[in-house]
């Protein structure tokens, strides 16, 4: 298993992938700001595939996707799952195919609860 488990994931690094059509969405901005304060560092890159590779390789602790386009979603999910990670929606349900508006979290299975809690807290602040 390459996907990293960190005992104190608050000191971890998280990737943020957001769709172009929701770039200035107020809810997305609030969630992103909340997530940014609950991890050591948030990475936002122009190439989401790099974030997926970093998570699968153990260089990131998780990824949060906010209504991301699916161009690289399937390959990223496959990489992370093969590396021992889990991918689930904002309600905690495992990934089982593309939704019209994908909202997902990918991380080590043992960090799932922290990520879900952080996302739910961020969404309720909106």
Foldseek 3Di string as FASTA:
>chain_A
DQQDDDPQQLAFEEEEAEAPVCPPPPLVVLLVVLVCNSHNYYDYDPDVVVVLVCRLRHNGAKYWYWQHDCPCVVVSQVSLVVSQKFKAALVRHGDDDDDNRGTIMIGHPVCVVVVSVSNVVSNVVD
